[in-house]
Protein backbone atom coordinates (compact mmCIF):
# COMPACT_ATOMS: atom_id res chain seq x y z
CA MET A 1 0.00 0.00 0.00
CA MET A 2 1.16 3.52 -0.77
CA LYS A 3 2.55 5.49 2.17
CA VAL A 4 2.26 9.26 2.60
CA VAL A 5 5.16 11.58 3.39
CA SER A 6 5.28 15.37 3.45
CA THR A 7 7.39 18.45 3.98
CA GLU A 8 6.82 20.70 6.99
CA TYR A 9 4.67 22.92 4.79
CA SER A 10 1.94 20.35 4.06
CA GLN A 11 1.64 18.34 7.26
CA ILE A 12 -2.09 18.86 7.81
CA LEU A 13 -3.08 17.97 4.26
CA ALA A 14 -0.79 14.92 4.34
CA ALA A 15 -2.39 13.68 7.56
CA ARG A 16 -5.86 14.13 6.05
CA VAL A 17 -4.89 12.30 2.85
CA ALA A 18 -3.45 9.42 4.90
CA ARG A 19 -6.62 9.19 6.97
CA GLU A 20 -8.92 9.43 3.94
CA SER A 21 -7.00 6.73 2.09
CA GLY A 22 -6.23 4.47 5.05
CA SER A 23 -2.51 4.85 4.33
CA GLU A 24 0.40 5.10 6.74
CA LEU A 25 1.75 8.60 7.38
CA VAL A 26 5.54 8.44 7.48
CA ASP A 27 7.36 10.27 10.27
CA VAL A 28 9.86 12.85 8.99
CA ARG A 29 12.34 14.72 11.17
CA PHE A 30 13.51 18.18 10.12
CA SER A 31 16.45 20.25 11.34
CA ARG A 32 19.17 22.62 10.14
CA PHE A 33 22.92 22.55 10.11
CA PRO A 34 24.78 25.40 11.85
CA ASP A 35 25.24 27.18 8.51
CA GLY A 36 21.46 27.18 7.91
CA GLU A 37 21.32 24.33 5.40
CA GLN A 38 18.26 22.10 5.75
CA TYR A 39 18.36 18.46 6.84
CA LEU A 40 15.61 15.85 6.97
CA ARG A 41 15.29 12.14 7.61
CA THR A 42 12.27 9.99 6.80
CA GLY A 43 11.08 6.79 8.31
CA PRO A 44 10.67 3.75 6.03
CA VAL A 45 8.68 4.73 2.91
CA GLY A 46 8.30 1.26 1.40
CA ASP A 47 7.95 0.53 -2.29
CA GLU A 48 5.38 3.20 -3.15
CA VAL A 49 5.00 6.66 -1.68
CA LEU A 50 2.94 9.82 -2.13
CA ILE A 51 5.14 12.86 -1.52
CA ILE A 52 3.23 16.02 -0.58
CA GLY A 53 4.78 19.47 -0.49
CA SER A 54 3.55 22.95 -1.34
CA VAL A 55 6.06 25.36 -2.84
CA THR A 56 5.32 28.56 -0.93
CA ASP A 57 8.85 29.98 -0.88
CA SER A 58 12.47 29.06 -1.56
CA ASN A 59 12.87 27.12 1.71
CA SER A 60 9.86 24.95 0.94
CA LEU A 61 11.23 24.20 -2.54
CA ILE A 62 14.61 23.07 -1.15
CA GLN A 63 12.91 20.92 1.47
CA LEU A 64 10.73 19.29 -1.17
CA LEU A 65 13.75 18.54 -3.37
CA LEU A 66 15.50 16.92 -0.40
CA LEU A 67 12.42 14.84 0.42
CA ILE A 68 12.12 13.61 -3.17
CA ASP A 69 15.77 12.55 -3.08
CA ALA A 70 15.26 10.75 0.24
CA CYS A 71 12.50 8.68 -1.38
CA GLU A 72 14.44 7.78 -4.53
CA ASP A 73 14.22 4.02 -3.96
CA ALA A 74 10.41 4.03 -4.00
CA ARG A 75 7.94 4.58 -6.79
CA SER A 76 6.94 8.16 -6.06
CA THR A 77 3.90 10.23 -6.90
CA LEU A 78 4.45 13.90 -6.18
CA LEU A 79 1.54 16.08 -5.06
CA ILE A 80 2.25 19.82 -5.24
CA PRO A 81 -0.79 21.37 -3.52
CA TYR A 82 0.36 24.92 -4.25
CA MET A 83 3.02 25.48 -6.86
CA GLY A 84 4.71 28.80 -6.33
CA TYR A 85 6.37 30.43 -9.35
CA ALA A 86 3.66 28.91 -11.60
CA ARG A 87 2.26 32.33 -12.53
CA GLN A 88 5.40 33.21 -14.51
CA ASP A 89 4.84 30.90 -17.46
CA LYS A 90 5.73 33.35 -20.24
CA GLN A 91 8.72 35.54 -21.05
CA PHE A 92 7.44 39.09 -20.98
CA ARG A 93 10.88 40.67 -21.44
CA PRO A 94 14.16 39.34 -22.84
CA GLY A 95 16.31 37.63 -20.24
CA GLU A 96 13.45 36.53 -17.97
CA PRO A 97 13.17 32.89 -16.91
CA LEU A 98 10.04 30.86 -17.36
CA SER A 99 9.78 30.24 -13.62
CA ALA A 100 7.04 27.63 -13.99
CA ARG A 101 9.29 25.67 -16.35
CA ALA A 102 12.30 25.91 -14.03
CA ILE A 103 10.34 24.61 -11.04
CA ALA A 104 8.61 21.86 -13.02
CA ARG A 105 11.89 20.62 -14.44
CA ALA A 106 13.51 20.50 -11.01
CA LEU A 107 10.58 18.67 -9.39
CA SER A 108 10.25 16.11 -12.20
CA ARG A 109 13.55 14.48 -11.34
CA GLY A 110 13.17 11.44 -9.10
CA VAL A 111 9.38 11.07 -9.30
CA ASN A 112 7.16 8.95 -11.53
CA ASP A 113 4.19 11.27 -11.89
CA VAL A 114 2.88 14.58 -10.57
CA MET A 115 -0.40 16.03 -9.36
CA THR A 116 -1.18 19.71 -8.83
CA ILE A 117 -4.26 21.35 -7.34
CA ASN A 118 -5.89 24.22 -9.23
CA ILE A 119 -2.61 25.27 -10.78
CA HIS A 120 -2.80 28.86 -12.03
CA ASP A 121 -2.52 27.79 -15.69
CA ARG A 122 -3.01 24.16 -16.72
CA ASP A 123 -0.70 24.78 -19.65
CA SER A 124 2.19 24.80 -17.17
CA LEU A 125 1.79 21.04 -16.80
CA ARG A 126 3.61 20.64 -20.11
CA PHE A 127 6.85 21.68 -18.43
CA PHE A 128 6.99 18.48 -16.33
CA SER A 129 9.00 15.68 -17.88
CA VAL A 130 6.78 13.04 -16.24
CA PRO A 131 2.99 12.58 -16.55
CA ALA A 132 1.24 15.44 -14.73
CA ARG A 133 -2.43 16.09 -14.00
CA ASN A 134 -4.28 18.92 -12.33
CA LEU A 135 -7.05 18.43 -9.77
CA SER A 136 -9.79 20.90 -8.94
CA ILE A 137 -11.42 21.30 -5.54
CA ALA A 138 -14.11 23.71 -6.75
CA ALA A 139 -16.74 21.19 -5.66
CA GLU A 140 -15.27 21.11 -2.14
CA ILE A 141 -15.66 24.90 -1.95
CA GLY A 142 -19.25 24.62 -3.17
CA ASP A 143 -20.01 21.94 -0.57
CA TYR A 144 -18.63 24.12 2.21
CA LEU A 145 -20.54 27.20 1.08
CA SER A 146 -23.78 25.19 0.95
CA GLY A 147 -23.62 24.85 4.73
CA LEU A 148 -23.54 28.60 5.39
CA SER A 149 -27.25 29.34 4.83
CA LEU A 150 -26.44 32.04 2.28
CA ASN A 151 -29.22 34.34 1.11
CA ASP A 152 -29.84 33.94 -2.65
CA PRO A 153 -26.09 33.59 -3.25
CA LEU A 154 -24.23 34.98 -6.25
CA ILE A 155 -20.86 33.34 -6.97
CA LEU A 156 -18.64 36.02 -8.45
CA ALA A 157 -15.31 35.71 -10.26
CA PRO A 158 -12.90 38.66 -9.98
CA ASP A 159 -12.57 38.74 -13.80
CA ASP A 160 -13.84 36.90 -16.85
CA GLY A 161 -10.76 34.66 -16.89
CA ALA A 162 -11.76 33.15 -13.53
CA GLU A 163 -15.43 32.71 -14.39
CA TYR A 164 -15.08 29.04 -15.33
CA PHE A 165 -13.77 28.31 -11.82
CA ALA A 166 -16.69 30.26 -10.33
CA MET A 167 -19.06 28.18 -12.44
CA GLU A 168 -17.48 24.98 -11.10
CA VAL A 169 -18.05 26.21 -7.53
CA ALA A 170 -21.63 27.26 -8.22
CA LEU A 171 -22.52 24.05 -10.08
CA THR A 172 -22.59 22.09 -6.80
CA ASN A 173 -25.69 24.01 -5.72
CA GLY A 174 -27.08 25.41 -8.97
CA TRP A 175 -26.27 29.00 -7.96
CA ASP A 176 -25.94 32.02 -10.23
CA THR A 177 -22.47 33.05 -11.41
CA ASP A 178 -21.03 36.21 -12.88
CA HIS A 179 -17.72 38.06 -13.08
CA LEU A 180 -16.60 41.52 -12.08
CA GLU A 181 -16.30 44.01 -14.88
CA LYS A 182 -13.93 46.95 -14.56
CA THR A 183 -14.76 50.32 -16.05
CA ARG A 184 -12.04 52.99 -15.92
CA LEU A 185 -13.68 56.33 -15.15
CA SER A 186 -10.42 58.29 -15.03
CA ALA A 187 -6.69 57.76 -14.55
CA GLU A 188 -7.29 57.32 -10.80
CA GLU A 189 -10.83 55.96 -10.61
CA VAL A 190 -12.09 52.49 -11.52
CA ARG A 191 -15.61 51.14 -11.12
CA MET A 192 -16.21 47.42 -10.60
CA GLU A 193 -19.55 45.65 -10.64
CA PRO A 194 -21.03 42.32 -11.76
CA ALA A 195 -21.12 42.19 -15.54
CA GLY A 196 -24.68 40.98 -15.97
CA ILE A 197 -26.41 40.04 -12.69
CA THR A 198 -27.42 42.41 -9.93
CA ALA A 199 -25.98 41.93 -6.45
CA GLU A 200 -28.75 43.84 -4.72
CA GLY A 201 -30.24 42.00 -1.76
CA ARG A 202 -27.98 38.98 -2.25
CA ASP A 203 -25.07 37.36 -0.44
CA VAL A 204 -22.06 37.52 -2.77
CA VAL A 205 -19.11 35.11 -2.65
CA ILE A 206 -16.06 36.23 -4.63
CA VAL A 207 -14.10 33.10 -5.58
CA ASP A 208 -10.69 32.64 -7.17
CA ASP A 209 -7.91 30.08 -7.32
CA ILE A 210 -5.45 32.34 -5.45
CA ILE A 211 -5.83 35.29 -3.11
CA SER A 212 -2.47 37.03 -3.01
CA THR A 213 -2.54 40.73 -2.06
CA GLY A 214 -6.35 40.96 -2.09
CA GLY A 215 -6.35 44.48 -3.54
CA THR A 216 -8.94 43.86 -6.25
CA LEU A 217 -11.22 41.97 -3.87
CA ALA A 218 -11.04 44.69 -1.22
CA MET A 219 -11.93 47.37 -3.77
CA ALA A 220 -14.75 45.28 -5.21
CA THR A 221 -16.26 44.64 -1.79
CA GLY A 222 -17.00 48.31 -1.13
CA MET A 223 -18.55 48.69 -4.55
CA LEU A 224 -20.69 45.58 -4.09
CA TYR A 225 -22.09 47.00 -0.88
CA GLU A 226 -22.80 50.26 -2.72
CA LYS A 227 -24.77 48.18 -5.24
CA GLY A 228 -26.88 46.74 -2.43
CA ALA A 229 -25.22 43.39 -1.67
CA SER A 230 -26.40 42.00 1.67
CA CYS A 231 -23.10 40.40 2.59
CA VAL A 232 -19.79 39.70 0.85
CA TYR A 233 -17.53 36.68 1.39
CA ALA A 234 -14.31 35.56 -0.28
CA ALA A 235 -13.20 31.99 -0.97
CA CYS A 236 -10.12 30.59 -2.66
CA VAL A 237 -8.11 27.43 -3.07
CA HIS A 238 -4.71 28.92 -2.24
CA GLY A 239 -4.63 31.51 0.55
CA VAL A 240 -1.31 33.27 -0.03
CA PHE A 241 -2.39 36.48 1.80
CA ALA A 242 0.78 38.46 1.03
CA SER A 243 1.43 41.91 2.49
CA GLY A 244 -1.35 41.79 5.07
CA ALA A 245 -4.02 40.70 2.58
CA TYR A 246 -6.21 38.83 5.09
CA GLY A 247 -6.51 41.87 7.36
CA ARG A 248 -7.06 44.12 4.33
CA LEU A 249 -9.95 41.96 3.17
CA ARG A 250 -11.63 41.86 6.56
CA ALA A 251 -11.17 45.61 6.96
CA SER A 252 -12.83 46.14 3.57
CA GLY A 253 -16.07 44.64 4.89
CA ILE A 254 -15.75 41.02 3.78
CA ARG A 255 -17.52 38.99 6.47
CA GLU A 256 -15.39 35.85 6.17
CA VAL A 257 -12.45 34.67 4.08
CA PHE A 258 -12.22 30.95 3.34
CA ALA A 259 -9.29 28.95 1.96
CA SER A 260 -8.19 25.34 1.61
CA ASP A 261 -5.31 23.45 3.20
CA THR A 262 -3.05 23.62 0.13
CA ILE A 263 -1.39 26.43 2.10
CA GLU A 264 -1.96 25.96 5.81
CA GLN A 265 -3.64 29.07 7.20
CA GLY A 266 -5.98 29.85 10.07
CA CYS A 267 -8.85 30.20 7.61
CA SER A 268 -8.17 26.84 5.88
CA VAL A 269 -11.67 25.45 6.38
CA PHE A 270 -12.00 22.98 3.49
CA SER A 271 -9.59 20.29 2.40
CA ALA A 272 -8.15 18.95 -0.84
CA ALA A 273 -7.71 15.49 0.71
CA ARG A 274 -10.87 13.86 -0.64
CA GLU A 275 -10.18 14.91 -4.24
CA VAL A 276 -6.55 13.78 -3.97
CA VAL A 277 -7.53 10.33 -2.75
CA SER A 278 -10.30 10.03 -5.37
CA SER A 279 -7.80 10.87 -8.10
CA ILE A 280 -5.32 8.27 -6.86
CA ARG A 281 -8.04 5.61 -6.78
CA ARG A 282 -9.21 6.53 -10.28
CA CYS A 283 -5.71 5.97 -11.59
C-alpha cells in the first residue's frame, strides 16, 4: 500500500490524505545545520510513496527537493498542492526565466508522476518531464458554502478569466455566477460591478484560485455594498495572503475569508484530501 510523506509545509493535508485513504503517514524529522542548510530524515517509505509538499517559498522548494531525493528508492507520486512560481509561465521581457518551467523541471527528477491542485494555468503542466495532472477542488468549496445558509447567493469571479472556476463552484448548488467588470472612469478611478447580474439584496461570494494581495477583492467589496449586496464573502483554493491581505480583506467589509489546506492558514476550512484520494483511486 502507498505510504504518505510530506514536507513541513503540508503536514495537515498529508495527515488528512493518509486518513482518507487508510494509508500510513511516514514520520519525517527536520532540522538545520549550523550554517542554515536544511536536513531531513524519513522513516521507512516502502515501495510506493505519495510525496506532498507545497512550494510557498524558496525554503519549501529546497525541502521538497530533499524529500524527493530521500524517497528515490520508491515509486513516487508527487503532489504539489500549491506550486509557487507557476504564474510566470511566459517571457514578458528578454532575459526573464520561465519560472514555472524551471520549477517543473527540477521537481520532475526522481518522481514517476505529478499532481497539482488548481494550478494557475493548466498549460504549465507541459513543463513536467513526467505525466502530470491537475485536480480541482471547486466542488469542495461549493459543498462548504452550501452549509452557510447564504441568502440567494451569487458566486462572483474577480474577472472573466476566472469565471469558469466560479461556475465549477456554483454548479454544486445550482447557484448564479457572474464576473466583475472593470470600467475605468479616469486615470485614478475604476468602477467594478457584476457584468450581468445584480448583487442587490444577495449574499455575494467572490471566488478565485489564489488570493495574493487581495487588492482587487477589497476594492470590489465596497462597490458591491454600494450596489446593495447583503453580505460579501471571499473563498479561494490557495490563501497566499501576502502583504497583510487577510486583514485588508476583513477591513474592507468582507464577512469571512475561506481557503483550503493547500497552504496551511488559520482560515483553511475545506480540504483537498478527498479529491486527492479520489484521483489516486481513479488511476
